[in-house]
Amino acid sequence: MRLWVTGYRSYELNIYNEQDKKLAVIKAALKTELSERIENGLEWILTGGQLGIEQWTIEVGLDLKKDFPELKLAMLLPFSNFSEKWKPEKQQHLQELKTAVDFSAEVSKQPYRSPQQLKNYQIFMLNHTEGALMVYDPEYPGKSRYDHEAILKKQQASEYGLELLDMLSLQDTAALLAERDED
């Protein structure tokens, strides 16, 4: 089974550094959800390179490979010059993640030209996965709403799984982490 994982950008969650407590909650939620899926047959995690959920997914996935060496990670970017406007340290981190995953490629070999490349990216991800995991809450739309809408449209035409880690799910994870810290 192959799973597309996506969701909010880091700035949409007001997370700007690795020490933010919200990041620990998100990574714990991703780790729990992905571990369960790996135990139930998940073979590949496919994600993009966006700052936020996508890069954190790769970080969590790389950590999970210690316990699940059979897990494979793929980073797929929508176009060739994906991070060219980012700060150099963020470009460097993306490059490090690209070299750490099992597979990386660009869906379009061209630099960004039009929103159609983003649509083509969605189509590619939907056609190469059996389901999606999104850290996303429809009550708090962000840029991921376009992926959410594409997934919902795909579900109308075929069986395609979708699991949302919404704000309530993240609050539950935060409460569990707080309990552990108290013990």
C-alpha atoms as a PDB file:
ATOM      1  CA  MET A   1       0.000   0.000   0.000  1.00  0.00           C
ATOM      2  CA  ARG A   2       1.101   3.539  -0.806  1.00  0.00           C
ATOM      3  CA  LEU A   3      -0.014   6.566   1.179  1.00  0.00           C
ATOM      4  CA  TRP A   4       0.084  10.249   0.229  1.00  0.00           C
ATOM      5  CA  VAL A   5       0.804  12.395   3.279  1.00  0.00           C
ATOM      6  CA  THR A   6       0.302  16.139   3.126  1.00  0.00           C
ATOM      7  CA  GLY A   7      -1.152  19.024   5.080  1.00  0.00           C
ATOM      8  CA  TYR A   8      -0.476  22.476   6.414  1.00  0.00           C
ATOM      9  CA  ARG A   9       2.614  24.529   5.693  1.00  0.00           C
ATOM     10  CA  SER A  10       4.676  25.447   8.755  1.00  0.00           C
ATOM     11  CA  TYR A  11       3.687  29.131   8.586  1.00  0.00           C
ATOM     12  CA  GLU A  12      -0.025  28.196   8.518  1.00  0.00           C
ATOM     13  CA  LEU A  13       0.528  26.569  11.915  1.00  0.00           C
ATOM     14  CA  ASN A  14       2.753  29.404  13.184  1.00  0.00           C
ATOM     15  CA  ILE A  15       5.642  26.977  13.651  1.00  0.00           C
ATOM     16  CA  TYR A  16       8.956  28.617  12.899  1.00  0.00           C
ATOM     17  CA  ASN A  17      11.510  26.518  14.780  1.00  0.00           C
ATOM     18  CA  GLU A  18      12.202  22.925  15.765  1.00  0.00           C
ATOM     19  CA  GLN A  19      11.673  23.655  19.484  1.00  0.00           C
ATOM     20  CA  ASP A  20       8.006  24.620  19.084  1.00  0.00           C
ATOM     21  CA  LYS A  21       5.848  22.352  21.267  1.00  0.00           C
ATOM     22  CA  LYS A  22       3.227  22.161  18.519  1.00  0.00           C
ATOM     23  CA  LEU A  23       5.791  20.427  16.322  1.00  0.00           C
ATOM     24  CA  ALA A  24       6.332  17.700  18.926  1.00  0.00           C
ATOM     25  CA  VAL A  25       2.566  17.094  18.961  1.00  0.00           C
ATOM     26  CA  ILE A  26       2.333  16.922  15.177  1.00  0.00           C
ATOM     27  CA  LYS A  27       5.285  14.552  14.882  1.00  0.00           C
ATOM     28  CA  ALA A  28       3.869  12.323  17.638  1.00  0.00           C
ATOM     29  CA  ALA A  29       0.494  12.186  15.862  1.00  0.00           C
ATOM     30  CA  LEU A  30       2.177  11.358  12.553  1.00  0.00           C
ATOM     31  CA  LYS A  31       4.343   8.695  14.170  1.00  0.00           C
ATOM     32  CA  THR A  32       1.354   7.004  15.808  1.00  0.00           C
ATOM     33  CA  GLU A  33      -0.757   7.073  12.654  1.00  0.00           C
ATOM     34  CA  LEU A  34       2.027   5.925  10.351  1.00  0.00           C
ATOM     35  CA  SER A  35       3.205   3.167  12.718  1.00  0.00           C
ATOM     36  CA  GLU A  36      -0.285   1.671  12.772  1.00  0.00           C
ATOM     37  CA  ARG A  37      -0.448   1.783   8.998  1.00  0.00           C
ATOM     38  CA  ILE A  38       2.986   0.184   8.592  1.00  0.00           C
ATOM     39  CA  GLU A  39       1.911  -2.645  10.887  1.00  0.00           C
ATOM     40  CA  ASN A  40      -1.127  -3.073   8.607  1.00  0.00           C
ATOM     41  CA  GLY A  41       0.823  -3.258   5.351  1.00  0.00           C
ATOM     42  CA  LEU A  42       1.862   0.271   4.418  1.00  0.00           C
ATOM     43  CA  GLU A  43       4.920  -0.007   2.175  1.00  0.00           C
ATOM     44  CA  TRP A  44       5.462   3.476   0.744  1.00  0.00           C
ATOM     45  CA  ILE A  45       4.935   6.986   2.093  1.00  0.00           C
ATOM     46  CA  LEU A  46       4.730   9.530  -0.715  1.00  0.00           C
ATOM     47  CA  THR A  47       4.904  13.202   0.094  1.00  0.00           C
ATOM     48  CA  GLY A  48       6.152  16.483  -1.280  1.00  0.00           C
ATOM     49  CA  GLY A  49       8.796  18.855  -0.069  1.00  0.00           C
ATOM     50  CA  GLN A  50       6.716  21.694   1.328  1.00  0.00           C
ATOM     51  CA  LEU A  51       7.910  23.306   4.542  1.00  0.00           C
ATOM     52  CA  GLY A  52       5.646  21.892   7.223  1.00  0.00           C
ATOM     53  CA  ILE A  53       3.754  18.612   7.286  1.00  0.00           C
ATOM     54  CA  GLU A  54       5.448  17.186   4.203  1.00  0.00           C
ATOM     55  CA  GLN A  55       9.016  17.671   5.426  1.00  0.00           C
ATOM     56  CA  TRP A  56       8.064  16.635   8.971  1.00  0.00           C
ATOM     57  CA  THR A  57       6.531  13.465   7.517  1.00  0.00           C
ATOM     58  CA  ILE A  58       9.851  12.598   5.928  1.00  0.00           C
ATOM     59  CA  GLU A  59      11.650  13.242   9.220  1.00  0.00           C
ATOM     60  CA  VAL A  60       9.186  10.995  11.072  1.00  0.00           C
ATOM     61  CA  GLY A  61       9.402   8.378   8.317  1.00  0.00           C
ATOM     62  CA  LEU A  62      13.191   8.316   8.494  1.00  0.00           C
ATOM     63  CA  ASP A  63      12.915   7.775  12.245  1.00  0.00           C
ATOM     64  CA  LEU A  64      10.350   4.994  11.734  1.00  0.00           C
ATOM     65  CA  LYS A  65      12.708   3.170   9.358  1.00  0.00           C
ATOM     66  CA  LYS A  66      14.798   2.268  12.426  1.00  0.00           C
ATOM     67  CA  ASP A  67      11.942   0.032  13.627  1.00  0.00           C
ATOM     68  CA  PHE A  68      10.458  -0.696  10.193  1.00  0.00           C
ATOM     69  CA  PRO A  69      13.398  -1.013   7.762  1.00  0.00           C
ATOM     70  CA  GLU A  70      11.052  -2.253   5.027  1.00  0.00           C
ATOM     71  CA  LEU A  71       9.320   1.161   4.899  1.00  0.00           C
ATOM     72  CA  LYS A  72      10.061   3.212   1.792  1.00  0.00           C
ATOM     73  CA  LEU A  73       9.866   7.011   1.522  1.00  0.00           C
ATOM     74  CA  ALA A  74       9.367   9.019  -1.666  1.00  0.00           C
ATOM     75  CA  MET A  75       9.610  12.792  -2.050  1.00  0.00           C
ATOM     76  CA  LEU A  76       7.921  14.073  -5.179  1.00  0.00           C
ATOM     77  CA  LEU A  77       8.098  17.726  -6.134  1.00  0.00           C
ATOM     78  CA  PRO A  78       5.620  19.380  -8.509  1.00  0.00           C
ATOM     79  CA  PHE A  79       8.263  21.152 -10.652  1.00  0.00           C
ATOM     80  CA  SER A  80      12.029  21.471 -11.043  1.00  0.00           C
ATOM     81  CA  ASN A  81      12.837  24.791  -9.369  1.00  0.00           C
ATOM     82  CA  PHE A  82      10.632  24.013  -6.389  1.00  0.00           C
ATOM     83  CA  SER A  83      12.645  25.668  -3.594  1.00  0.00           C
ATOM     84  CA  GLU A  84      14.562  28.339  -5.499  1.00  0.00           C
ATOM     85  CA  LYS A  85      12.911  31.240  -3.630  1.00  0.00           C
ATOM     86  CA  TRP A  86      13.526  29.746  -0.187  1.00  0.00           C
ATOM     87  CA  LYS A  87      16.239  30.851   2.212  1.00  0.00           C
ATOM     88  CA  PRO A  88      19.507  28.934   1.668  1.00  0.00           C
ATOM     89  CA  GLU A  89      19.224  26.973   4.932  1.00  0.00           C
ATOM     90  CA  LYS A  90      15.745  25.774   3.991  1.00  0.00           C
ATOM     91  CA  GLN A  91      16.983  24.784   0.522  1.00  0.00           C
ATOM     92  CA  GLN A  92      19.823  22.871   2.178  1.00  0.00           C
ATOM     93  CA  HIS A  93      17.425  21.007   4.482  1.00  0.00           C
ATOM     94  CA  LEU A  94      15.237  20.042   1.515  1.00  0.00           C
ATOM     95  CA  GLN A  95      18.335  18.738  -0.280  1.00  0.00           C
ATOM     96  CA  GLU A  96      19.315  16.673   2.782  1.00  0.00           C
ATOM     97  CA  LEU A  97      15.838  15.146   2.939  1.00  0.00           C
ATOM     98  CA  LYS A  98      15.894  14.410  -0.820  1.00  0.00           C
ATOM     99  CA  THR A  99      19.101  12.444  -0.434  1.00  0.00           C
ATOM    100  CA  ALA A 100      17.806  10.572   2.639  1.00  0.00           C
ATOM    101  CA  VAL A 101      14.609   9.204   1.065  1.00  0.00           C
ATOM    102  CA  ASP A 102      14.399   6.048  -1.030  1.00  0.00           C
ATOM    103  CA  PHE A 103      13.148   7.878  -4.106  1.00  0.00           C
ATOM    104  CA  SER A 104      12.860  11.511  -5.179  1.00  0.00           C
ATOM    105  CA  ALA A 105      11.815  13.121  -8.433  1.00  0.00           C
ATOM    106  CA  GLU A 106       9.965  16.054  -9.955  1.00  0.00           C
ATOM    107  CA  VAL A 107       6.578  15.398 -11.531  1.00  0.00           C
ATOM    108  CA  SER A 108       7.363  18.148 -14.064  1.00  0.00           C
ATOM    109  CA  LYS A 109      10.963  18.537 -15.202  1.00  0.00           C
ATOM    110  CA  GLN A 110      10.163  22.154 -16.110  1.00  0.00           C
ATOM    111  CA  PRO A 111      10.517  25.130 -13.757  1.00  0.00           C
ATOM    112  CA  TYR A 112       7.263  26.587 -12.449  1.00  0.00           C
ATOM    113  CA  ARG A 113       5.162  27.860 -15.345  1.00  0.00           C
ATOM    114  CA  SER A 114       1.510  27.583 -14.337  1.00  0.00           C
ATOM    115  CA  PRO A 115      -0.939  26.250 -11.753  1.00  0.00           C
ATOM    116  CA  GLN A 116      -1.531  23.306 -14.107  1.00  0.00           C
ATOM    117  CA  GLN A 117       1.735  21.824 -12.832  1.00  0.00           C
ATOM    118  CA  LEU A 118       0.228  21.760  -9.330  1.00  0.00           C
ATOM    119  CA  LYS A 119      -2.903  20.056 -10.682  1.00  0.00           C
ATOM    120  CA  ASN A 120      -0.746  17.521 -12.514  1.00  0.00           C
ATOM    121  CA  TYR A 121       1.110  16.887  -9.260  1.00  0.00           C
ATOM    122  CA  GLN A 122      -2.190  16.180  -7.455  1.00  0.00           C
ATOM    123  CA  ILE A 123      -3.285  13.827 -10.222  1.00  0.00           C
ATOM    124  CA  PHE A 124       0.052  12.018 -10.044  1.00  0.00           C
ATOM    125  CA  MET A 125      -0.159  11.604  -6.265  1.00  0.00           C
ATOM    126  CA  LEU A 126      -3.768  10.398  -6.426  1.00  0.00           C
ATOM    127  CA  ASN A 127      -2.972   7.903  -9.186  1.00  0.00           C
ATOM    128  CA  HIS A 128       0.058   6.468  -7.391  1.00  0.00           C
ATOM    129  CA  THR A 129      -1.457   5.989  -3.921  1.00  0.00           C
ATOM    130  CA  GLU A 130      -4.390   4.105  -2.447  1.00  0.00           C
ATOM    131  CA  GLY A 131      -5.167   6.722   0.167  1.00  0.00           C
ATOM    132  CA  ALA A 132      -4.107   9.924   1.865  1.00  0.00           C
ATOM    133  CA  LEU A 133      -3.331  11.094   5.364  1.00  0.00           C
ATOM    134  CA  MET A 134      -3.755  14.816   5.821  1.00  0.00           C
ATOM    135  CA  VAL A 135      -2.913  16.975   8.790  1.00  0.00           C
ATOM    136  CA  TYR A 136      -5.764  19.257   7.925  1.00  0.00           C
ATOM    137  CA  ASP A 137      -9.006  20.576   9.360  1.00  0.00           C
ATOM    138  CA  PRO A 138     -11.678  21.794   6.916  1.00  0.00           C
ATOM    139  CA  GLU A 139     -12.733  24.355   9.550  1.00  0.00           C
ATOM    140  CA  TYR A 140      -9.284  25.962   9.206  1.00  0.00           C
ATOM    141  CA  PRO A 141      -8.596  25.922   5.474  1.00  0.00           C
ATOM    142  CA  GLY A 142      -5.143  26.674   4.167  1.00  0.00           C
ATOM    143  CA  LYS A 143      -3.326  25.892   0.952  1.00  0.00           C
ATOM    144  CA  SER A 144      -3.984  22.189   1.568  1.00  0.00           C
ATOM    145  CA  ARG A 145      -7.663  22.742   0.861  1.00  0.00           C
ATOM    146  CA  TYR A 146      -6.865  22.230  -2.834  1.00  0.00           C
ATOM    147  CA  ASP A 147      -5.420  18.782  -2.105  1.00  0.00           C
ATOM    148  CA  HIS A 148      -8.393  18.022   0.158  1.00  0.00           C
ATOM    149  CA  GLU A 149     -10.830  19.010  -2.598  1.00  0.00           C
ATOM    150  CA  ALA A 150      -8.941  16.876  -5.155  1.00  0.00           C
ATOM    151  CA  ILE A 151      -9.071  13.889  -2.806  1.00  0.00           C
ATOM    152  CA  LEU A 152     -12.810  14.327  -2.191  1.00  0.00           C
ATOM    153  CA  LYS A 153     -13.360  14.481  -5.947  1.00  0.00           C
ATOM    154  CA  LYS A 154     -11.298  11.300  -6.412  1.00  0.00           C
ATOM    155  CA  GLN A 155     -13.432   9.574  -3.761  1.00  0.00           C
ATOM    156  CA  GLN A 156     -16.557  10.283  -5.828  1.00  0.00           C
ATOM    157  CA  ALA A 157     -15.109   8.264  -8.716  1.00  0.00           C
ATOM    158  CA  SER A 158     -13.300   5.457  -6.884  1.00  0.00           C
ATOM    159  CA  GLU A 159     -12.437   3.946  -3.552  1.00  0.00           C
ATOM    160  CA  TYR A 160      -9.707   6.144  -2.142  1.00  0.00           C
ATOM    161  CA  GLY A 161      -8.979   6.355   1.551  1.00  0.00           C
ATOM    162  CA  LEU A 162      -8.697   9.617   3.443  1.00  0.00           C
ATOM    163  CA  GLU A 163      -7.766  10.094   7.070  1.00  0.00           C
ATOM    164  CA  LEU A 164      -7.717  13.584   8.550  1.00  0.00           C
ATOM    165  CA  LEU A 165      -5.619  14.500  11.547  1.00  0.00           C
ATOM    166  CA  ASP A 166      -7.671  17.551  12.431  1.00  0.00           C
ATOM    167  CA  MET A 167      -7.336  20.013  15.313  1.00  0.00           C
ATOM    168  CA  LEU A 168      -9.301  17.748  17.657  1.00  0.00           C
ATOM    169  CA  SER A 169      -6.981  14.808  16.859  1.00  0.00           C
ATOM    170  CA  LEU A 170      -3.957  16.988  17.528  1.00  0.00           C
ATOM    171  CA  GLN A 171      -5.459  18.174  20.843  1.00  0.00           C
ATOM    172  CA  ASP A 172      -5.931  14.527  21.853  1.00  0.00           C
ATOM    173  CA  THR A 173      -2.285  13.815  21.015  1.00  0.00           C
ATOM    174  CA  ALA A 174      -1.194  16.873  23.017  1.00  0.00           C
ATOM    175  CA  ALA A 175      -3.181  15.626  26.010  1.00  0.00           C
ATOM    176  CA  LEU A 176      -1.534  12.182  25.757  1.00  0.00           C
ATOM    177  CA  LEU A 177       1.913  13.760  25.585  1.00  0.00           C
ATOM    178  CA  ALA A 178       1.120  15.931  28.602  1.00  0.00           C
ATOM    179  CA  GLU A 179       0.015  12.840  30.558  1.00  0.00           C
ATOM    180  CA  ARG A 180       3.276  11.071  29.697  1.00  0.00           C
ATOM    181  CA  ASP A 181       5.285  14.074  30.806  1.00  0.00           C
ATOM    182  CA  GLU A 182       3.497  14.055  34.163  1.00  0.00           C
ATOM    183  CA  ASP A 183       4.342  10.378  34.766  1.00  0.00           C
END
